[in-house]
Amino acid sequence: MSHEKLLDRARDELFSHVHRCGVLQAEEDDQRHWMDETIDYIGERYPDLSDADLKNLHEIGIRFCKPAIAHGATTAKSGEEVVEDVAVS
């Protein structure tokens, strides 16, 4: 398997773990601890990945846990009205 395919597979597995484990709702410190342990696990599963690859996956994972738009949460500044979008079919 090519290095790129291996890296893609490891990234996809990481994202799958993030979704299944509920780490998106965790505190930042807990997210970092969880990500450290998960990247160690990914490194064991994919021993052909370099330390740089694993560091990159860690950074991607942390960014994924902190998107520009919160996962499923409606946020507003204090005093602003919160309006949720509702799809009408």
Protein backbone atom coordinates (compact mmCIF):
# COMPACT_ATOMS: atom_id res chain seq x y z
CA MET A 1 0.00 0.00 0.00
CA SER A 2 1.33 3.45 -0.86
CA HIS A 3 2.32 5.82 1.92
CA GLU A 4 -0.42 8.28 0.92
CA LYS A 5 -3.11 5.58 1.07
CA LEU A 6 -1.82 4.43 4.44
CA LEU A 7 -1.91 8.00 5.76
CA ASP A 8 -5.42 8.50 4.38
CA ARG A 9 -6.59 5.29 6.03
CA ALA A 10 -5.08 6.32 9.38
CA ARG A 11 -6.70 9.77 9.13
CA ASP A 12 -10.09 8.27 8.32
CA GLU A 13 -9.76 5.89 11.27
CA LEU A 14 -8.88 8.81 13.55
CA PHE A 15 -11.97 10.76 12.45
CA SER A 16 -14.10 7.67 12.97
CA HIS A 17 -12.77 7.32 16.53
CA VAL A 18 -13.47 11.00 17.20
CA HIS A 19 -17.10 10.61 16.14
CA ARG A 20 -17.69 7.34 18.02
CA CYS A 21 -16.04 8.37 21.29
CA GLY A 22 -17.86 11.66 21.86
CA VAL A 23 -14.61 13.57 22.32
CA LEU A 24 -16.10 16.58 20.52
CA GLN A 25 -18.07 17.48 23.65
CA ALA A 26 -15.10 17.01 26.01
CA GLU A 27 -13.09 19.76 27.66
CA GLU A 28 -9.94 20.89 25.82
CA ASP A 29 -7.55 19.16 28.26
CA ASP A 30 -9.52 15.93 27.97
CA GLN A 31 -9.50 16.21 24.17
CA ARG A 32 -5.71 16.58 24.15
CA HIS A 33 -5.24 13.62 26.50
CA TRP A 34 -7.63 11.50 24.42
CA MET A 35 -5.87 12.55 21.21
CA ASP A 36 -2.43 11.69 22.64
CA GLU A 37 -3.61 8.19 23.53
CA THR A 38 -5.44 7.69 20.24
CA ILE A 39 -2.43 8.77 18.17
CA ASP A 40 -0.31 6.28 20.14
CA TYR A 41 -2.85 3.61 19.19
CA ILE A 42 -2.86 4.73 15.53
CA GLY A 43 0.95 4.55 15.57
CA GLU A 44 0.75 0.93 16.74
CA ARG A 45 -1.83 0.06 14.09
CA TYR A 46 0.17 1.76 11.32
CA PRO A 47 3.84 1.20 12.19
CA ASP A 48 4.97 2.44 8.75
CA LEU A 49 3.86 5.98 9.59
CA SER A 50 6.67 8.28 10.65
CA ASP A 51 6.72 10.40 13.80
CA ALA A 52 6.08 13.42 11.55
CA ASP A 53 3.00 11.68 10.09
CA LEU A 54 1.67 10.96 13.58
CA LYS A 55 2.34 14.53 14.70
CA ASN A 56 0.45 15.79 11.65
CA LEU A 57 -2.47 13.47 12.42
CA HIS A 58 -2.50 14.75 16.01
CA GLU A 59 -2.70 18.36 14.79
CA ILE A 60 -5.44 17.50 12.30
CA GLY A 61 -7.38 15.70 15.03
CA ILE A 62 -7.14 18.61 17.44
CA ARG A 63 -8.29 21.04 14.73
CA PHE A 64 -11.16 18.69 13.89
CA CYS A 65 -12.27 18.84 17.53
CA LYS A 66 -12.36 22.67 17.38
CA PRO A 67 -14.10 23.62 14.15
CA ALA A 68 -14.80 27.23 13.19
CA ILE A 69 -18.50 26.44 13.54
CA ALA A 70 -19.33 24.39 16.62
CA HIS A 71 -20.51 20.81 16.07
CA GLY A 72 -24.29 20.84 16.38
CA ALA A 73 -24.29 23.68 18.87
CA THR A 74 -26.02 27.00 18.49
CA THR A 75 -23.90 29.77 19.94
CA ALA A 76 -24.48 33.47 20.43
CA LYS A 77 -22.90 36.34 22.28
CA SER A 78 -24.55 37.43 25.50
CA GLY A 79 -27.73 39.36 24.75
CA GLU A 80 -28.10 38.12 21.15
CA GLU A 81 -31.17 36.24 20.05
CA VAL A 82 -30.48 32.66 19.06
CA VAL A 83 -32.28 31.45 15.95
CA GLU A 84 -31.91 27.89 14.71
CA ASP A 85 -32.30 27.06 11.03
CA VAL A 86 -35.08 24.61 10.33
CA ALA A 87 -35.39 22.91 6.97
CA VAL A 88 -38.89 22.81 5.58
CA SER A 89 -39.70 20.25 2.96
